[in-house]
N, C-alpha and C. Protein backbone atom coordinates (compact mmCIF):
# COMPACT_ATOMS: atom_id res chain seq x y z
N UNK A 1 0.82 -1.20 0.00
CA UNK A 1 0.00 0.00 0.00
C UNK A 1 0.86 1.26 0.00
N UNK A 2 1.98 1.23 0.73
CA UNK A 2 2.86 2.38 0.77
C UNK A 2 3.43 2.68 -0.62
N UNK A 3 3.90 1.63 -1.31
CA UNK A 3 4.46 1.82 -2.65
C UNK A 3 3.39 2.31 -3.61
N UNK A 4 2.19 1.74 -3.53
CA UNK A 4 1.11 2.16 -4.42
C UNK A 4 0.77 3.63 -4.23
N UNK A 5 0.78 4.09 -3.00
CA UNK A 5 0.47 5.50 -2.75
C UNK A 5 1.53 6.41 -3.34
N UNK A 6 2.79 5.97 -3.35
CA UNK A 6 3.88 6.80 -3.87
C UNK A 6 3.78 6.99 -5.38
N UNK A 7 3.16 6.05 -6.06
CA UNK A 7 2.97 6.22 -7.51
C UNK A 7 2.15 7.47 -7.77
N UNK A 8 1.08 7.65 -7.01
CA UNK A 8 0.23 8.83 -7.18
C UNK A 8 0.89 10.07 -6.58
N UNK A 9 1.49 9.91 -5.43
CA UNK A 9 2.10 11.04 -4.74
C UNK A 9 3.22 11.67 -5.57
N UNK A 10 4.10 10.86 -6.11
CA UNK A 10 5.28 11.38 -6.77
C UNK A 10 5.11 11.57 -8.27
N UNK A 11 4.13 10.92 -8.88
CA UNK A 11 4.01 10.96 -10.34
C UNK A 11 2.73 11.63 -10.83
N UNK A 12 2.12 12.47 -10.01
CA UNK A 12 0.87 13.13 -10.43
C UNK A 12 0.99 13.89 -11.75
N UNK A 13 2.10 14.59 -12.02
CA UNK A 13 2.20 15.29 -13.31
C UNK A 13 2.13 14.35 -14.51
N UNK A 14 2.60 13.12 -14.34
CA UNK A 14 2.52 12.14 -15.43
C UNK A 14 1.14 11.51 -15.53
N UNK A 15 0.48 11.35 -14.40
CA UNK A 15 -0.84 10.73 -14.38
C UNK A 15 -1.91 11.69 -14.91
N UNK A 16 -1.72 12.98 -14.62
CA UNK A 16 -2.67 14.00 -15.09
C UNK A 16 -1.92 15.06 -15.91
N UNK A 17 -1.46 14.68 -17.10
CA UNK A 17 -0.62 15.61 -17.90
C UNK A 17 -1.37 16.84 -18.39
N UNK A 18 -2.69 16.80 -18.47
CA UNK A 18 -3.45 17.94 -18.98
C UNK A 18 -3.85 18.92 -17.88
N UNK A 19 -3.59 18.56 -16.63
CA UNK A 19 -3.90 19.47 -15.53
C UNK A 19 -2.85 20.58 -15.48
N UNK A 20 -3.26 21.76 -15.05
CA UNK A 20 -2.33 22.87 -14.91
C UNK A 20 -1.62 22.79 -13.56
N UNK A 21 -2.38 22.50 -12.51
CA UNK A 21 -1.82 22.38 -11.18
C UNK A 21 -2.34 21.10 -10.53
N UNK A 22 -1.60 20.63 -9.53
CA UNK A 22 -2.10 19.53 -8.71
C UNK A 22 -1.72 19.78 -7.26
N UNK A 23 -2.53 19.27 -6.35
CA UNK A 23 -2.24 19.33 -4.92
C UNK A 23 -2.34 17.90 -4.38
N UNK A 24 -1.22 17.36 -3.94
CA UNK A 24 -1.23 16.06 -3.27
C UNK A 24 -1.43 16.30 -1.79
N UNK A 25 -2.40 15.65 -1.19
CA UNK A 25 -2.65 15.73 0.25
C UNK A 25 -2.69 14.30 0.77
N UNK A 26 -1.81 13.97 1.70
CA UNK A 26 -1.78 12.58 2.15
C UNK A 26 -2.90 12.29 3.14
N UNK A 27 -2.99 11.03 3.56
CA UNK A 27 -4.14 10.57 4.33
C UNK A 27 -4.29 11.17 5.71
N UNK A 28 -3.24 11.81 6.23
CA UNK A 28 -3.35 12.38 7.57
C UNK A 28 -3.57 13.89 7.54
N UNK A 29 -3.85 14.45 6.36
CA UNK A 29 -4.12 15.88 6.24
C UNK A 29 -5.46 16.11 5.56
N UNK A 30 -6.12 17.17 5.97
CA UNK A 30 -7.42 17.53 5.39
C UNK A 30 -7.41 19.02 5.03
N UNK A 31 -7.57 19.33 3.76
CA UNK A 31 -7.57 20.71 3.30
C UNK A 31 -8.80 21.44 3.81
N UNK A 32 -8.60 22.61 4.41
CA UNK A 32 -9.72 23.36 4.96
C UNK A 32 -9.85 24.76 4.35
N UNK A 33 -9.07 25.04 3.29
CA UNK A 33 -9.12 26.32 2.61
C UNK A 33 -9.38 26.12 1.13
N UNK A 34 -9.68 27.19 0.44
CA UNK A 34 -9.88 27.16 -1.01
C UNK A 34 -8.58 26.73 -1.68
N UNK A 35 -8.58 25.64 -2.48
CA UNK A 35 -7.34 25.19 -3.12
C UNK A 35 -6.75 26.23 -4.08
N UNK A 36 -7.61 27.06 -4.69
CA UNK A 36 -7.10 28.11 -5.59
C UNK A 36 -6.27 29.11 -4.78
N UNK A 37 -6.74 29.45 -3.59
CA UNK A 37 -5.97 30.35 -2.73
C UNK A 37 -4.65 29.71 -2.34
N UNK A 38 -4.67 28.41 -2.07
CA UNK A 38 -3.45 27.70 -1.69
C UNK A 38 -2.40 27.78 -2.80
N UNK A 39 -2.84 27.54 -4.03
CA UNK A 39 -1.92 27.62 -5.17
C UNK A 39 -1.38 29.04 -5.32
N UNK A 40 -2.25 30.03 -5.15
CA UNK A 40 -1.82 31.42 -5.26
C UNK A 40 -0.81 31.80 -4.20
N UNK A 41 -1.08 31.43 -2.94
CA UNK A 41 -0.21 31.81 -1.83
C UNK A 41 1.12 31.08 -1.85
N UNK A 42 1.11 29.82 -2.26
CA UNK A 42 2.32 29.00 -2.17
C UNK A 42 3.16 29.08 -3.44
N UNK A 43 2.51 29.03 -4.60
CA UNK A 43 3.26 29.02 -5.86
C UNK A 43 3.34 30.39 -6.53
N UNK A 44 2.20 30.90 -6.96
CA UNK A 44 2.17 32.08 -7.82
C UNK A 44 2.80 33.30 -7.14
N UNK A 45 2.45 33.55 -5.92
CA UNK A 45 2.93 34.73 -5.19
C UNK A 45 4.45 34.76 -5.08
N UNK A 46 5.08 33.58 -5.02
CA UNK A 46 6.52 33.50 -4.80
C UNK A 46 7.29 33.02 -6.03
N UNK A 47 6.63 32.91 -7.16
CA UNK A 47 7.31 32.49 -8.38
C UNK A 47 7.84 31.08 -8.30
N UNK A 48 7.15 30.22 -7.57
CA UNK A 48 7.59 28.83 -7.39
C UNK A 48 6.79 27.90 -8.29
N UNK A 49 7.39 26.79 -8.67
CA UNK A 49 6.65 25.78 -9.43
C UNK A 49 6.38 24.52 -8.63
N UNK A 50 6.93 24.46 -7.41
CA UNK A 50 6.66 23.36 -6.49
C UNK A 50 6.49 23.94 -5.09
N UNK A 51 5.51 23.45 -4.35
CA UNK A 51 5.32 23.86 -2.97
C UNK A 51 5.30 22.65 -2.06
N UNK A 52 5.96 22.76 -0.90
CA UNK A 52 6.02 21.66 0.04
C UNK A 52 5.95 22.21 1.46
N UNK A 53 6.09 21.33 2.45
CA UNK A 53 6.01 21.71 3.86
C UNK A 53 7.34 21.38 4.53
N UNK A 54 7.80 22.29 5.39
CA UNK A 54 9.03 22.06 6.13
C UNK A 54 8.81 21.03 7.23
N UNK A 55 9.79 20.15 7.42
CA UNK A 55 9.72 19.18 8.51
C UNK A 55 9.83 19.91 9.84
N UNK A 56 8.88 19.74 10.76
CA UNK A 56 8.90 20.50 12.01
C UNK A 56 9.84 19.94 13.07
N UNK A 57 10.43 18.77 12.83
CA UNK A 57 11.25 18.12 13.85
C UNK A 57 12.72 18.03 13.48
N UNK A 58 13.02 17.86 12.19
CA UNK A 58 14.40 17.61 11.78
C UNK A 58 14.79 18.54 10.63
N UNK A 59 16.10 18.77 10.48
CA UNK A 59 16.57 19.78 9.54
C UNK A 59 17.47 19.24 8.43
N UNK A 60 17.72 17.93 8.40
CA UNK A 60 18.59 17.39 7.36
C UNK A 60 18.28 15.91 7.12
N UNK A 61 18.75 15.40 5.99
CA UNK A 61 18.56 13.98 5.69
C UNK A 61 19.28 13.12 6.72
N UNK A 62 20.33 13.64 7.32
CA UNK A 62 21.10 12.85 8.28
C UNK A 62 20.38 12.74 9.63
N UNK A 63 19.71 13.80 10.03
CA UNK A 63 18.86 13.70 11.22
C UNK A 63 17.69 12.76 10.96
N UNK A 64 17.16 12.82 9.75
CA UNK A 64 16.05 11.93 9.39
C UNK A 64 16.50 10.47 9.47
N UNK A 65 17.70 10.19 8.99
CA UNK A 65 18.24 8.83 9.03
C UNK A 65 18.33 8.32 10.46
N UNK A 66 18.85 9.14 11.37
CA UNK A 66 18.97 8.72 12.76
C UNK A 66 17.61 8.41 13.38
N UNK A 67 16.62 9.22 13.04
CA UNK A 67 15.28 9.00 13.59
C UNK A 67 14.64 7.73 13.02
N UNK A 68 14.85 7.48 11.74
CA UNK A 68 14.32 6.26 11.12
C UNK A 68 14.90 5.02 11.79
N UNK A 69 16.21 5.04 12.03
CA UNK A 69 16.87 3.91 12.69
C UNK A 69 16.38 3.76 14.12
N UNK A 70 16.29 4.89 14.84
CA UNK A 70 15.88 4.84 16.25
C UNK A 70 14.48 4.28 16.42
N UNK A 71 13.56 4.71 15.55
CA UNK A 71 12.17 4.27 15.66
C UNK A 71 11.86 3.01 14.85
N UNK A 72 12.89 2.48 14.17
CA UNK A 72 12.74 1.26 13.37
C UNK A 72 11.64 1.44 12.32
N UNK A 73 11.68 2.56 11.61
CA UNK A 73 10.68 2.85 10.59
C UNK A 73 11.02 2.24 9.24
N UNK A 74 12.20 1.66 9.12
CA UNK A 74 12.61 1.02 7.87
C UNK A 74 13.73 0.04 8.19
N UNK A 75 14.05 -0.79 7.22
CA UNK A 75 15.14 -1.74 7.38
C UNK A 75 16.44 -0.99 7.61
N UNK A 76 17.15 -1.32 8.67
CA UNK A 76 18.35 -0.57 9.05
C UNK A 76 19.44 -0.66 7.98
N UNK A 77 19.64 -1.83 7.39
CA UNK A 77 20.69 -1.98 6.37
C UNK A 77 20.41 -1.09 5.16
N UNK A 78 19.15 -1.11 4.69
CA UNK A 78 18.79 -0.28 3.54
C UNK A 78 18.97 1.20 3.85
N UNK A 79 18.56 1.60 5.05
CA UNK A 79 18.66 3.00 5.45
C UNK A 79 20.11 3.42 5.58
N UNK A 80 20.96 2.56 6.15
CA UNK A 80 22.38 2.87 6.27
C UNK A 80 23.04 2.98 4.91
N UNK A 81 22.66 2.10 3.99
CA UNK A 81 23.20 2.18 2.63
C UNK A 81 22.78 3.48 1.95
N UNK A 82 21.54 3.87 2.19
CA UNK A 82 21.04 5.11 1.61
C UNK A 82 21.84 6.31 2.09
N UNK A 83 22.00 6.42 3.38
CA UNK A 83 22.67 7.60 3.92
C UNK A 83 24.15 7.59 3.56
N UNK A 84 24.76 6.40 3.47
CA UNK A 84 26.15 6.31 3.05
C UNK A 84 26.30 6.81 1.61
N UNK A 85 25.34 6.45 0.76
CA UNK A 85 25.35 6.90 -0.62
C UNK A 85 25.23 8.41 -0.71
N UNK A 86 24.39 9.00 0.13
CA UNK A 86 24.19 10.45 0.10
C UNK A 86 25.39 11.20 0.63
N UNK A 87 26.08 10.63 1.61
CA UNK A 87 27.31 11.26 2.10
C UNK A 87 28.37 11.28 0.99
N UNK A 88 28.51 10.17 0.29
CA UNK A 88 29.48 10.10 -0.79
C UNK A 88 29.13 11.07 -1.91
N UNK A 89 27.84 11.29 -2.13
CA UNK A 89 27.41 12.22 -3.18
C UNK A 89 27.61 13.67 -2.77
N UNK A 90 27.82 13.91 -1.47
CA UNK A 90 28.07 15.27 -1.01
C UNK A 90 26.84 16.05 -0.59
N UNK A 91 25.74 15.37 -0.31
CA UNK A 91 24.53 16.07 0.14
C UNK A 91 24.85 16.78 1.46
N UNK A 92 24.68 18.09 1.53
CA UNK A 92 25.06 18.83 2.75
C UNK A 92 24.08 18.63 3.89
N UNK A 93 24.59 18.76 5.11
CA UNK A 93 23.75 18.62 6.30
C UNK A 93 22.89 19.86 6.53
N UNK A 94 23.17 20.93 5.81
CA UNK A 94 22.46 22.19 6.01
C UNK A 94 21.42 22.46 4.92
N UNK A 95 20.97 21.39 4.24
CA UNK A 95 20.08 21.58 3.10
C UNK A 95 18.60 21.57 3.45
N UNK A 96 18.26 21.52 4.74
CA UNK A 96 16.86 21.50 5.13
C UNK A 96 16.23 20.14 4.90
N UNK A 97 14.98 19.99 5.34
CA UNK A 97 14.26 18.73 5.19
C UNK A 97 12.78 19.02 5.02
N UNK A 98 12.17 18.36 4.06
CA UNK A 98 10.75 18.55 3.81
C UNK A 98 9.94 17.49 4.55
N UNK A 99 8.65 17.77 4.71
CA UNK A 99 7.69 16.78 5.15
C UNK A 99 6.81 16.51 3.94
N UNK A 100 6.64 15.24 3.58
CA UNK A 100 5.93 14.90 2.35
C UNK A 100 4.42 14.94 2.45
N UNK A 101 3.90 15.61 3.47
CA UNK A 101 2.47 15.65 3.70
C UNK A 101 1.70 16.27 2.54
N UNK A 102 2.24 17.34 1.98
CA UNK A 102 1.56 18.08 0.92
C UNK A 102 2.57 18.41 -0.19
N UNK A 103 2.17 18.23 -1.44
CA UNK A 103 2.99 18.63 -2.58
C UNK A 103 2.09 19.38 -3.56
N UNK A 104 2.45 20.61 -3.89
CA UNK A 104 1.71 21.43 -4.84
C UNK A 104 2.61 21.62 -6.06
N UNK A 105 2.11 21.31 -7.25
CA UNK A 105 2.96 21.38 -8.44
C UNK A 105 2.29 22.10 -9.59
N UNK A 106 3.09 22.85 -10.33
CA UNK A 106 2.69 23.45 -11.59
C UNK A 106 3.08 22.46 -12.68
N UNK A 107 2.11 21.84 -13.31
CA UNK A 107 2.39 20.80 -14.30
C UNK A 107 3.00 21.35 -15.58
N UNK A 108 2.96 22.65 -15.78
CA UNK A 108 3.59 23.25 -16.96
C UNK A 108 5.10 23.37 -16.80
N UNK A 109 5.58 23.15 -15.57
CA UNK A 109 7.00 23.30 -15.27
C UNK A 109 7.77 22.04 -15.63
N UNK A 110 8.74 22.18 -16.51
CA UNK A 110 9.60 21.05 -16.86
C UNK A 110 10.35 20.56 -15.62
N UNK A 111 10.81 21.51 -14.80
CA UNK A 111 11.56 21.15 -13.60
C UNK A 111 10.72 20.32 -12.64
N UNK A 112 9.45 20.70 -12.46
CA UNK A 112 8.57 19.95 -11.55
C UNK A 112 8.36 18.53 -12.05
N UNK A 113 8.26 18.36 -13.35
CA UNK A 113 8.09 17.02 -13.92
C UNK A 113 9.35 16.18 -13.76
N UNK A 114 10.50 16.77 -14.04
CA UNK A 114 11.76 16.04 -13.91
C UNK A 114 12.00 15.64 -12.46
N UNK A 115 11.81 16.57 -11.54
CA UNK A 115 12.01 16.26 -10.13
C UNK A 115 11.09 15.15 -9.67
N UNK A 116 9.83 15.19 -10.09
CA UNK A 116 8.87 14.17 -9.68
C UNK A 116 9.31 12.78 -10.14
N UNK A 117 9.77 12.68 -11.39
CA UNK A 117 10.18 11.38 -11.93
C UNK A 117 11.44 10.86 -11.24
N UNK A 118 12.43 11.75 -11.05
CA UNK A 118 13.67 11.33 -10.40
C UNK A 118 13.43 10.96 -8.94
N UNK A 119 12.51 11.68 -8.31
CA UNK A 119 12.19 11.38 -6.91
C UNK A 119 11.59 9.99 -6.80
N UNK A 120 10.71 9.62 -7.72
CA UNK A 120 10.11 8.29 -7.69
C UNK A 120 11.16 7.21 -7.92
N UNK A 121 12.07 7.44 -8.87
CA UNK A 121 13.14 6.47 -9.12
C UNK A 121 14.04 6.30 -7.89
N UNK A 122 14.33 7.41 -7.23
CA UNK A 122 15.17 7.34 -6.04
C UNK A 122 14.43 6.65 -4.89
N UNK A 123 13.14 6.89 -4.80
CA UNK A 123 12.34 6.21 -3.78
C UNK A 123 12.38 4.69 -3.98
N UNK A 124 12.35 4.24 -5.21
CA UNK A 124 12.40 2.81 -5.48
C UNK A 124 13.75 2.20 -5.08
N UNK A 125 14.80 3.01 -5.10
CA UNK A 125 16.12 2.53 -4.67
C UNK A 125 16.16 2.28 -3.18
N UNK A 126 15.52 3.17 -2.41
CA UNK A 126 15.60 3.11 -0.95
C UNK A 126 14.24 3.33 -0.30
N UNK A 127 13.30 2.39 -0.51
CA UNK A 127 12.02 2.51 0.19
C UNK A 127 12.22 2.15 1.67
N UNK A 128 11.25 2.46 2.56
CA UNK A 128 9.93 3.02 2.26
C UNK A 128 9.81 4.51 2.60
N UNK A 129 10.91 5.21 2.94
CA UNK A 129 10.84 6.60 3.35
C UNK A 129 11.19 7.50 2.16
N UNK A 130 10.44 8.60 1.97
CA UNK A 130 10.67 9.44 0.80
C UNK A 130 11.25 10.81 1.13
N UNK A 131 11.28 11.21 2.39
CA UNK A 131 11.76 12.56 2.72
C UNK A 131 13.25 12.71 2.45
N UNK A 132 14.05 11.72 2.86
CA UNK A 132 15.49 11.79 2.64
C UNK A 132 15.81 11.72 1.15
N UNK A 133 15.08 10.90 0.40
CA UNK A 133 15.35 10.77 -1.03
C UNK A 133 15.04 12.06 -1.77
N UNK A 134 14.06 12.83 -1.29
CA UNK A 134 13.79 14.13 -1.90
C UNK A 134 15.01 15.05 -1.76
N UNK A 135 15.62 15.06 -0.57
CA UNK A 135 16.79 15.91 -0.35
C UNK A 135 17.92 15.59 -1.30
N UNK A 136 18.11 14.32 -1.60
CA UNK A 136 19.16 13.92 -2.54
C UNK A 136 18.84 14.38 -3.96
N UNK A 137 17.60 14.16 -4.39
CA UNK A 137 17.21 14.54 -5.75
C UNK A 137 17.30 16.06 -5.93
N UNK A 138 16.84 16.81 -4.93
CA UNK A 138 16.94 18.27 -5.00
C UNK A 138 18.41 18.69 -5.14
N UNK A 139 19.28 18.03 -4.42
CA UNK A 139 20.71 18.37 -4.46
C UNK A 139 21.31 18.12 -5.83
N UNK A 140 21.05 16.95 -6.42
CA UNK A 140 21.67 16.65 -7.71
C UNK A 140 21.08 17.50 -8.85
N UNK A 141 19.90 18.07 -8.62
CA UNK A 141 19.32 18.97 -9.62
C UNK A 141 19.71 20.43 -9.38
N UNK A 142 20.59 20.64 -8.45
CA UNK A 142 21.13 21.98 -8.25
C UNK A 142 20.33 22.89 -7.35
N UNK A 143 19.36 22.35 -6.63
CA UNK A 143 18.55 23.19 -5.73
C UNK A 143 19.36 23.52 -4.47
N UNK A 144 19.46 24.81 -4.19
CA UNK A 144 20.20 25.29 -3.03
C UNK A 144 19.22 25.95 -2.07
N UNK A 145 19.25 25.60 -0.77
CA UNK A 145 18.31 26.21 0.17
C UNK A 145 18.63 27.69 0.41
N UNK A 146 17.60 28.52 0.31
CA UNK A 146 17.72 29.94 0.59
C UNK A 146 16.92 30.22 1.85
N UNK A 147 17.61 30.46 2.96
CA UNK A 147 16.97 30.66 4.25
C UNK A 147 16.75 32.15 4.47
N UNK A 148 15.53 32.51 4.83
CA UNK A 148 15.24 33.91 5.10
C UNK A 148 16.02 34.40 6.32
N UNK A 149 16.49 35.64 6.25
CA UNK A 149 17.31 36.20 7.32
C UNK A 149 16.42 36.86 8.39
N UNK A 150 15.74 36.06 9.15
CA UNK A 150 14.94 36.57 10.25
C UNK A 150 15.03 35.57 11.39
N UNK A 151 14.83 36.03 12.63
CA UNK A 151 14.94 35.10 13.77
C UNK A 151 14.02 33.90 13.65
N UNK A 152 12.78 34.12 13.16
CA UNK A 152 11.87 32.99 13.05
C UNK A 152 12.37 31.99 12.01
N UNK A 153 12.78 32.51 10.85
CA UNK A 153 13.19 31.63 9.76
C UNK A 153 14.43 30.83 10.13
N UNK A 154 15.31 31.41 10.95
CA UNK A 154 16.52 30.70 11.33
C UNK A 154 16.26 29.59 12.33
N UNK A 155 15.11 29.62 12.97
CA UNK A 155 14.75 28.56 13.90
C UNK A 155 14.08 27.42 13.12
N UNK A 156 14.91 26.62 12.46
CA UNK A 156 14.40 25.60 11.54
C UNK A 156 13.58 24.54 12.25
N UNK A 157 13.82 24.33 13.53
CA UNK A 157 13.09 23.29 14.24
C UNK A 157 11.63 23.67 14.47
N UNK A 158 11.28 24.89 14.21
CA UNK A 158 9.87 25.29 14.25
C UNK A 158 9.21 25.10 12.88
N UNK A 159 9.94 24.49 11.96
CA UNK A 159 9.39 24.31 10.63
C UNK A 159 9.38 25.60 9.85
N UNK A 160 10.50 26.31 9.83
CA UNK A 160 10.57 27.62 9.19
C UNK A 160 10.41 27.52 7.68
N UNK A 161 9.93 28.61 7.08
CA UNK A 161 9.83 28.67 5.63
C UNK A 161 11.20 28.89 5.01
N UNK A 162 11.44 28.22 3.89
CA UNK A 162 12.64 28.52 3.10
C UNK A 162 12.35 28.16 1.65
N UNK A 163 13.28 28.50 0.78
CA UNK A 163 13.14 28.23 -0.64
C UNK A 163 14.33 27.40 -1.11
N UNK A 164 14.09 26.53 -2.09
CA UNK A 164 15.16 25.92 -2.85
C UNK A 164 15.18 26.60 -4.22
N UNK A 165 16.30 27.17 -4.61
CA UNK A 165 16.44 27.76 -5.92
C UNK A 165 17.48 26.96 -6.71
N UNK A 166 17.17 26.71 -7.99
CA UNK A 166 18.10 25.99 -8.86
C UNK A 166 18.33 26.78 -10.14
N UNK A 167 19.54 27.26 -10.32
CA UNK A 167 19.89 27.91 -11.58
C UNK A 167 19.92 26.90 -12.72
N UNK A 168 20.34 25.68 -12.40
CA UNK A 168 20.40 24.62 -13.41
C UNK A 168 19.02 24.35 -14.00
N UNK A 169 18.01 24.27 -13.13
CA UNK A 169 16.66 23.94 -13.57
C UNK A 169 15.79 25.17 -13.81
N UNK A 170 16.32 26.36 -13.47
CA UNK A 170 15.53 27.60 -13.56
C UNK A 170 14.21 27.41 -12.81
N UNK A 171 14.34 27.02 -11.56
CA UNK A 171 13.17 26.58 -10.80
C UNK A 171 13.30 27.00 -9.35
N UNK A 172 12.13 27.16 -8.71
CA UNK A 172 12.08 27.47 -7.28
C UNK A 172 11.08 26.54 -6.60
N UNK A 173 11.48 26.02 -5.44
CA UNK A 173 10.60 25.24 -4.58
C UNK A 173 10.34 26.06 -3.33
N UNK A 174 9.08 26.28 -3.03
CA UNK A 174 8.70 27.03 -1.83
C UNK A 174 8.34 26.02 -0.74
N UNK A 175 9.12 26.02 0.34
CA UNK A 175 8.87 25.12 1.46
C UNK A 175 8.27 25.95 2.59
N UNK A 176 6.98 25.75 2.84
CA UNK A 176 6.28 26.60 3.80
C UNK A 176 6.52 26.13 5.23
N UNK A 177 6.38 27.07 6.16
CA UNK A 177 6.54 26.75 7.58
C UNK A 177 5.41 25.84 8.05
N UNK A 178 5.70 25.06 9.08
CA UNK A 178 4.70 24.14 9.63
C UNK A 178 3.46 24.90 10.12
N UNK A 179 3.68 26.07 10.74
CA UNK A 179 2.54 26.84 11.22
C UNK A 179 1.68 27.34 10.06
N UNK A 180 2.32 27.60 8.90
CA UNK A 180 1.57 28.01 7.71
C UNK A 180 0.74 26.84 7.19
N UNK A 181 1.34 25.66 7.20
CA UNK A 181 0.62 24.45 6.80
C UNK A 181 -0.65 24.26 7.63
N UNK A 182 -0.55 24.53 8.94
CA UNK A 182 -1.69 24.33 9.82
C UNK A 182 -2.81 25.35 9.59
N UNK A 183 -2.54 26.44 8.89
CA UNK A 183 -3.61 27.39 8.56
C UNK A 183 -4.42 26.89 7.36
N UNK A 184 -3.84 26.00 6.57
CA UNK A 184 -4.53 25.47 5.41
C UNK A 184 -5.10 24.07 5.63
N UNK A 185 -4.53 23.33 6.58
CA UNK A 185 -4.88 21.92 6.73
C UNK A 185 -5.17 21.56 8.18
N UNK A 186 -6.00 20.54 8.34
CA UNK A 186 -6.16 19.88 9.63
C UNK A 186 -5.31 18.62 9.58
N UNK A 187 -4.47 18.42 10.57
CA UNK A 187 -3.59 17.26 10.60
C UNK A 187 -4.18 16.20 11.53
N UNK A 188 -4.31 14.98 11.01
CA UNK A 188 -4.81 13.86 11.79
C UNK A 188 -3.69 12.87 12.05
N UNK A 189 -3.66 12.20 13.19
CA UNK A 189 -2.62 11.20 13.45
C UNK A 189 -2.87 9.93 12.67
N UNK A 190 -1.83 9.13 12.49
CA UNK A 190 -1.98 7.81 11.87
C UNK A 190 -2.85 6.92 12.76
N UNK A 191 -3.77 6.21 12.15
CA UNK A 191 -4.51 5.18 12.87
C UNK A 191 -3.81 3.83 12.74
N UNK A 192 -3.10 3.67 11.63
CA UNK A 192 -2.36 2.42 11.41
C UNK A 192 -1.23 2.71 10.45
N UNK A 193 -0.06 2.11 10.69
CA UNK A 193 1.09 2.30 9.82
C UNK A 193 1.33 1.00 9.07
N UNK A 194 1.63 1.13 7.77
CA UNK A 194 1.75 -0.05 6.91
C UNK A 194 3.21 -0.42 6.68
N UNK A 195 3.40 -1.58 6.09
CA UNK A 195 4.73 -2.02 5.73
C UNK A 195 5.54 -2.36 6.96
N UNK A 196 6.80 -1.91 6.98
CA UNK A 196 7.69 -2.23 8.09
C UNK A 196 7.28 -1.50 9.35
N UNK A 197 6.58 -0.38 9.21
CA UNK A 197 6.17 0.41 10.37
C UNK A 197 5.11 -0.33 11.17
N UNK A 198 5.18 -0.18 12.46
CA UNK A 198 4.23 -0.84 13.35
C UNK A 198 3.52 0.19 14.22
N UNK A 199 2.37 -0.19 14.76
CA UNK A 199 1.62 0.74 15.59
C UNK A 199 2.34 1.08 16.87
N UNK A 200 3.33 0.29 17.27
CA UNK A 200 4.06 0.63 18.50
C UNK A 200 5.06 1.76 18.28
N UNK A 201 5.20 2.22 17.01
CA UNK A 201 6.05 3.37 16.72
C UNK A 201 5.19 4.49 16.18
N UNK A 202 4.37 5.13 17.02
CA UNK A 202 3.44 6.15 16.54
C UNK A 202 4.14 7.41 16.05
N UNK A 203 3.53 8.09 15.09
CA UNK A 203 4.04 9.36 14.61
C UNK A 203 3.77 10.42 15.67
N UNK A 204 4.77 11.24 15.93
CA UNK A 204 4.57 12.33 16.89
C UNK A 204 3.64 13.38 16.30
N UNK A 205 2.75 13.90 17.10
CA UNK A 205 1.81 14.93 16.64
C UNK A 205 1.94 16.17 17.52
């Protein structure tokens, strides 16, 4: 079930090629605002072609790896191989971390389509977690985190807003703060976790 959901989550631009925009909302989130307003506030207003949510707990793929191992959310060998591969590739520890709860995409953007496809391929290499694999794909496509120079934005553990800009892809990803996400969505806890995840390892809320 986890793999099947990722087909839709990561490949929406390919599944709905005639759509102009798409909003992926996972099973633990419920949209409570006008989706047109969401697209305007997250994408159009900031010149972004992809919108996501900042992880409110961790700030890098390496912190994510430690948490996955600690909570036994995936096979330890696969996860260790993944993070070893990313270290060798040079993925920086200061590149931020997304939460895959929501993905907003402009389907007219070549960059959004390329990132979506590469992200799915990378997910297949190292399932079942997709947040760390996003950080790797963003890095190899030249996306550099642009952190706003304000006290709130520098406090990344509060889920601060930041942008990924890529000169290579001529693209911008807008990563909204966790508190901003909560103005648009109601977050529900997991009732059951599939695959390797067990109910004895609940998601923090």
